[in-house]
Amino acid sequence: MVRTQIQLTEEQAERLKAVAARQGISQAEAIRLALDFWLPRIEQTSRRELRQRAMQSFGKFRDIEGKTDVSVNHDDYYVEAVWEMKGRRDPR
């Protein structure tokens, strides 16, 4: 086994603890099971599918009026928009 450290939101930590308790397993085992379930699905996602998903996201966010650096800082604006859609503040 390889030891690693992750950061979870409070909600994730609470949910993880509850699931692990219900299943009678450790939190580490619950994380390993989740990764075993999730990783093959991500690995099977083709580059074409990822491109298609990205293309579908175009135009789904509000205009950024007065911003002249969007082509350079688009990732930052995208993250900011996603956090805003979720009703949260960007933790950065």
N, C-alpha and C. Protein backbone atom coordinates (compact mmCIF):
# COMPACT_ATOMS: atom_id res chain seq x y z
N MET A 1 0.85 -1.18 0.00
CA MET A 1 0.00 0.00 0.00
C MET A 1 0.89 1.25 0.00
N VAL A 2 0.38 2.28 -0.62
CA VAL A 2 1.05 3.57 -0.66
C VAL A 2 0.23 4.54 0.17
N ARG A 3 0.87 5.20 1.09
CA ARG A 3 0.17 6.19 1.92
C ARG A 3 0.09 7.50 1.16
N THR A 4 -1.09 8.11 1.20
CA THR A 4 -1.27 9.41 0.56
C THR A 4 -2.16 10.27 1.44
N GLN A 5 -2.14 11.54 1.18
CA GLN A 5 -2.93 12.48 1.97
C GLN A 5 -3.83 13.25 1.02
N ILE A 6 -5.10 13.39 1.39
CA ILE A 6 -6.04 14.15 0.56
C ILE A 6 -6.77 15.16 1.43
N GLN A 7 -7.32 16.16 0.79
CA GLN A 7 -8.14 17.14 1.51
C GLN A 7 -9.57 16.99 1.03
N LEU A 8 -10.49 16.94 1.96
CA LEU A 8 -11.91 16.81 1.67
C LEU A 8 -12.64 18.01 2.24
N THR A 9 -13.78 18.31 1.64
CA THR A 9 -14.64 19.32 2.24
C THR A 9 -15.23 18.70 3.51
N GLU A 10 -15.78 19.53 4.36
CA GLU A 10 -16.41 18.99 5.57
C GLU A 10 -17.54 18.04 5.20
N GLU A 11 -18.32 18.42 4.20
CA GLU A 11 -19.44 17.56 3.77
C GLU A 11 -18.93 16.22 3.26
N GLN A 12 -17.88 16.22 2.46
CA GLN A 12 -17.32 14.97 1.96
C GLN A 12 -16.83 14.10 3.10
N ALA A 13 -16.15 14.71 4.06
CA ALA A 13 -15.61 13.96 5.19
C ALA A 13 -16.75 13.33 6.00
N GLU A 14 -17.81 14.08 6.22
CA GLU A 14 -18.95 13.56 6.97
C GLU A 14 -19.62 12.41 6.22
N ARG A 15 -19.80 12.59 4.92
CA ARG A 15 -20.43 11.54 4.12
C ARG A 15 -19.57 10.29 4.06
N LEU A 16 -18.26 10.47 3.91
CA LEU A 16 -17.34 9.35 3.88
C LEU A 16 -17.39 8.58 5.19
N LYS A 17 -17.36 9.30 6.30
CA LYS A 17 -17.40 8.67 7.62
C LYS A 17 -18.69 7.86 7.80
N ALA A 18 -19.82 8.45 7.36
CA ALA A 18 -21.11 7.78 7.50
C ALA A 18 -21.18 6.51 6.64
N VAL A 19 -20.73 6.61 5.39
CA VAL A 19 -20.76 5.45 4.49
C VAL A 19 -19.87 4.34 5.03
N ALA A 20 -18.68 4.70 5.45
CA ALA A 20 -17.74 3.70 5.97
C ALA A 20 -18.33 3.01 7.20
N ALA A 21 -18.95 3.78 8.08
CA ALA A 21 -19.56 3.20 9.28
C ALA A 21 -20.70 2.25 8.90
N ARG A 22 -21.55 2.68 7.97
CA ARG A 22 -22.68 1.82 7.54
C ARG A 22 -22.18 0.52 6.91
N GLN A 23 -21.09 0.61 6.16
CA GLN A 23 -20.56 -0.57 5.48
C GLN A 23 -19.65 -1.41 6.38
N GLY A 24 -19.29 -0.86 7.53
CA GLY A 24 -18.39 -1.58 8.44
C GLY A 24 -16.97 -1.68 7.92
N ILE A 25 -16.54 -0.64 7.20
CA ILE A 25 -15.18 -0.61 6.65
C ILE A 25 -14.50 0.69 7.07
N SER A 26 -13.20 0.73 6.88
CA SER A 26 -12.47 1.96 7.20
C SER A 26 -12.73 3.01 6.13
N GLN A 27 -12.47 4.25 6.47
CA GLN A 27 -12.61 5.32 5.49
C GLN A 27 -11.63 5.11 4.34
N ALA A 28 -10.44 4.63 4.65
CA ALA A 28 -9.44 4.37 3.60
C ALA A 28 -9.96 3.32 2.63
N GLU A 29 -10.60 2.28 3.15
CA GLU A 29 -11.15 1.23 2.29
C GLU A 29 -12.28 1.78 1.43
N ALA A 30 -13.10 2.65 2.00
CA ALA A 30 -14.19 3.27 1.24
C ALA A 30 -13.63 4.10 0.09
N ILE A 31 -12.56 4.82 0.35
CA ILE A 31 -11.92 5.63 -0.70
C ILE A 31 -11.34 4.72 -1.78
N ARG A 32 -10.68 3.63 -1.38
CA ARG A 32 -10.13 2.70 -2.37
C ARG A 32 -11.23 2.10 -3.24
N LEU A 33 -12.36 1.72 -2.62
CA LEU A 33 -13.48 1.17 -3.38
C LEU A 33 -14.04 2.20 -4.36
N ALA A 34 -14.15 3.45 -3.90
CA ALA A 34 -14.66 4.51 -4.77
C ALA A 34 -13.73 4.72 -5.96
N LEU A 35 -12.43 4.70 -5.71
CA LEU A 35 -11.46 4.86 -6.80
C LEU A 35 -11.52 3.68 -7.77
N ASP A 36 -11.66 2.46 -7.23
CA ASP A 36 -11.78 1.28 -8.10
C ASP A 36 -13.01 1.38 -9.00
N PHE A 37 -14.07 1.99 -8.50
CA PHE A 37 -15.28 2.17 -9.28
C PHE A 37 -15.11 3.30 -10.30
N TRP A 38 -14.51 4.40 -9.89
CA TRP A 38 -14.45 5.62 -10.69
C TRP A 38 -13.35 5.59 -11.76
N LEU A 39 -12.17 5.11 -11.41
CA LEU A 39 -11.03 5.17 -12.34
C LEU A 39 -11.28 4.48 -13.68
N PRO A 40 -11.84 3.27 -13.72
CA PRO A 40 -12.07 2.66 -15.04
C PRO A 40 -13.01 3.47 -15.92
N ARG A 41 -13.98 4.13 -15.31
CA ARG A 41 -14.92 4.94 -16.09
C ARG A 41 -14.22 6.16 -16.69
N ILE A 42 -13.34 6.75 -15.91
CA ILE A 42 -12.60 7.91 -16.40
C ILE A 42 -11.61 7.48 -17.48
N GLU A 43 -10.95 6.37 -17.26
CA GLU A 43 -9.97 5.89 -18.22
C GLU A 43 -10.61 5.51 -19.55
N GLN A 44 -11.87 5.12 -19.51
CA GLN A 44 -12.58 4.73 -20.74
C GLN A 44 -13.10 5.93 -21.51
N THR A 45 -13.12 7.08 -20.86
CA THR A 45 -13.60 8.28 -21.53
C THR A 45 -12.60 8.67 -22.60
N SER A 46 -13.03 8.66 -23.82
CA SER A 46 -12.12 8.94 -24.92
C SER A 46 -11.84 10.43 -25.01
N ARG A 47 -10.77 10.73 -25.67
CA ARG A 47 -10.40 12.13 -25.92
C ARG A 47 -11.52 12.82 -26.71
N ARG A 48 -12.13 12.10 -27.61
CA ARG A 48 -13.22 12.64 -28.41
C ARG A 48 -14.41 13.02 -27.53
N GLU A 49 -14.74 12.15 -26.56
CA GLU A 49 -15.84 12.44 -25.63
C GLU A 49 -15.53 13.66 -24.78
N LEU A 50 -14.29 13.74 -24.31
CA LEU A 50 -13.90 14.89 -23.50
C LEU A 50 -14.02 16.19 -24.30
N ARG A 51 -13.59 16.14 -25.55
CA ARG A 51 -13.70 17.32 -26.41
C ARG A 51 -15.16 17.69 -26.62
N GLN A 52 -16.00 16.67 -26.84
CA GLN A 52 -17.42 16.91 -27.05
C GLN A 52 -18.06 17.54 -25.82
N ARG A 53 -17.72 17.05 -24.64
CA ARG A 53 -18.24 17.62 -23.39
C ARG A 53 -17.80 19.07 -23.23
N ALA A 54 -16.53 19.33 -23.55
CA ALA A 54 -16.03 20.70 -23.45
C ALA A 54 -16.77 21.62 -24.41
N MET A 55 -16.99 21.14 -25.62
CA MET A 55 -17.70 21.95 -26.62
C MET A 55 -19.13 22.26 -26.16
N GLN A 56 -19.77 21.31 -25.48
CA GLN A 56 -21.13 21.52 -25.01
C GLN A 56 -21.20 22.56 -23.90
N SER A 57 -20.09 22.79 -23.23
CA SER A 57 -20.10 23.78 -22.14
C SER A 57 -19.99 25.21 -22.65
N PHE A 58 -19.58 25.38 -23.91
CA PHE A 58 -19.44 26.72 -24.47
C PHE A 58 -20.78 27.45 -24.46
N GLY A 59 -20.75 28.68 -24.00
CA GLY A 59 -21.95 29.49 -24.00
C GLY A 59 -22.87 29.28 -22.82
N LYS A 60 -22.50 28.40 -21.92
CA LYS A 60 -23.37 28.11 -20.78
C LYS A 60 -23.14 29.06 -19.61
N PHE A 61 -22.14 29.91 -19.74
CA PHE A 61 -21.82 30.81 -18.65
C PHE A 61 -22.03 32.25 -19.10
N ARG A 62 -22.26 33.10 -18.14
CA ARG A 62 -22.54 34.50 -18.44
C ARG A 62 -21.34 35.17 -19.09
N ASP A 63 -21.62 36.25 -19.82
CA ASP A 63 -20.55 37.04 -20.41
C ASP A 63 -19.73 37.70 -19.30
N ILE A 64 -18.49 37.91 -19.56
CA ILE A 64 -17.62 38.57 -18.61
C ILE A 64 -17.33 39.95 -19.18
N GLU A 65 -18.20 40.87 -18.89
CA GLU A 65 -18.08 42.22 -19.45
C GLU A 65 -16.88 42.95 -18.87
N GLY A 66 -16.20 43.66 -19.73
CA GLY A 66 -15.09 44.49 -19.30
C GLY A 66 -13.80 43.72 -19.06
N LYS A 67 -13.81 42.41 -19.25
CA LYS A 67 -12.60 41.62 -19.05
C LYS A 67 -11.87 41.50 -20.38
N THR A 68 -10.61 41.87 -20.39
CA THR A 68 -9.84 41.81 -21.63
C THR A 68 -8.81 40.68 -21.62
N ASP A 69 -8.76 39.92 -20.53
CA ASP A 69 -7.74 38.87 -20.41
C ASP A 69 -8.34 37.46 -20.39
N VAL A 70 -9.56 37.32 -20.89
CA VAL A 70 -10.25 36.03 -20.84
C VAL A 70 -9.48 34.96 -21.62
N SER A 71 -8.91 35.31 -22.77
CA SER A 71 -8.19 34.30 -23.55
C SER A 71 -6.96 33.78 -22.81
N VAL A 72 -6.42 34.58 -21.93
CA VAL A 72 -5.24 34.17 -21.17
C VAL A 72 -5.63 33.50 -19.85
N ASN A 73 -6.64 34.04 -19.18
CA ASN A 73 -7.02 33.56 -17.85
C ASN A 73 -8.35 32.81 -17.85
N HIS A 74 -8.69 32.18 -18.97
CA HIS A 74 -9.99 31.52 -19.09
C HIS A 74 -10.22 30.45 -18.04
N ASP A 75 -9.17 29.72 -17.65
CA ASP A 75 -9.34 28.69 -16.62
C ASP A 75 -9.81 29.29 -15.30
N ASP A 76 -9.23 30.41 -14.92
CA ASP A 76 -9.63 31.08 -13.68
C ASP A 76 -11.08 31.54 -13.74
N TYR A 77 -11.47 32.11 -14.88
CA TYR A 77 -12.85 32.58 -15.02
C TYR A 77 -13.83 31.40 -15.04
N TYR A 78 -13.41 30.31 -15.64
CA TYR A 78 -14.27 29.12 -15.68
C TYR A 78 -14.50 28.59 -14.28
N VAL A 79 -13.43 28.43 -13.51
CA VAL A 79 -13.55 27.95 -12.13
C VAL A 79 -14.42 28.89 -11.32
N GLU A 80 -14.22 30.17 -11.47
CA GLU A 80 -15.01 31.17 -10.76
C GLU A 80 -16.50 31.02 -11.10
N ALA A 81 -16.79 30.80 -12.37
CA ALA A 81 -18.18 30.66 -12.81
C ALA A 81 -18.81 29.39 -12.25
N VAL A 82 -18.05 28.30 -12.23
CA VAL A 82 -18.58 27.05 -11.68
C VAL A 82 -18.88 27.19 -10.20
N TRP A 83 -17.98 27.79 -9.46
CA TRP A 83 -18.22 28.01 -8.03
C TRP A 83 -19.45 28.89 -7.83
N GLU A 84 -19.59 29.91 -8.67
CA GLU A 84 -20.73 30.81 -8.56
C GLU A 84 -22.04 30.06 -8.83
N MET A 85 -22.02 29.18 -9.83
CA MET A 85 -23.21 28.39 -10.14
C MET A 85 -23.61 27.50 -8.97
N LYS A 86 -22.63 27.03 -8.22
CA LYS A 86 -22.89 26.16 -7.08
C LYS A 86 -23.24 26.96 -5.83
N GLY A 87 -23.25 28.29 -5.95
CA GLY A 87 -23.60 29.13 -4.82
C GLY A 87 -22.51 29.20 -3.76
N ARG A 88 -21.27 28.96 -4.20
CA ARG A 88 -20.14 28.98 -3.27
C ARG A 88 -19.12 29.99 -3.73
N ARG A 89 -18.23 30.33 -2.81
CA ARG A 89 -17.12 31.22 -3.17
C ARG A 89 -15.92 30.38 -3.53
N ASP A 90 -15.19 30.83 -4.52
CA ASP A 90 -13.96 30.18 -4.92
C ASP A 90 -12.99 30.19 -3.73
N PRO A 91 -12.52 29.01 -3.28
CA PRO A 91 -11.68 28.95 -2.08
C PRO A 91 -10.27 29.46 -2.28
N ARG A 92 -9.90 29.81 -3.51
CA ARG A 92 -8.52 30.26 -3.75
C ARG A 92 -8.29 31.62 -3.13
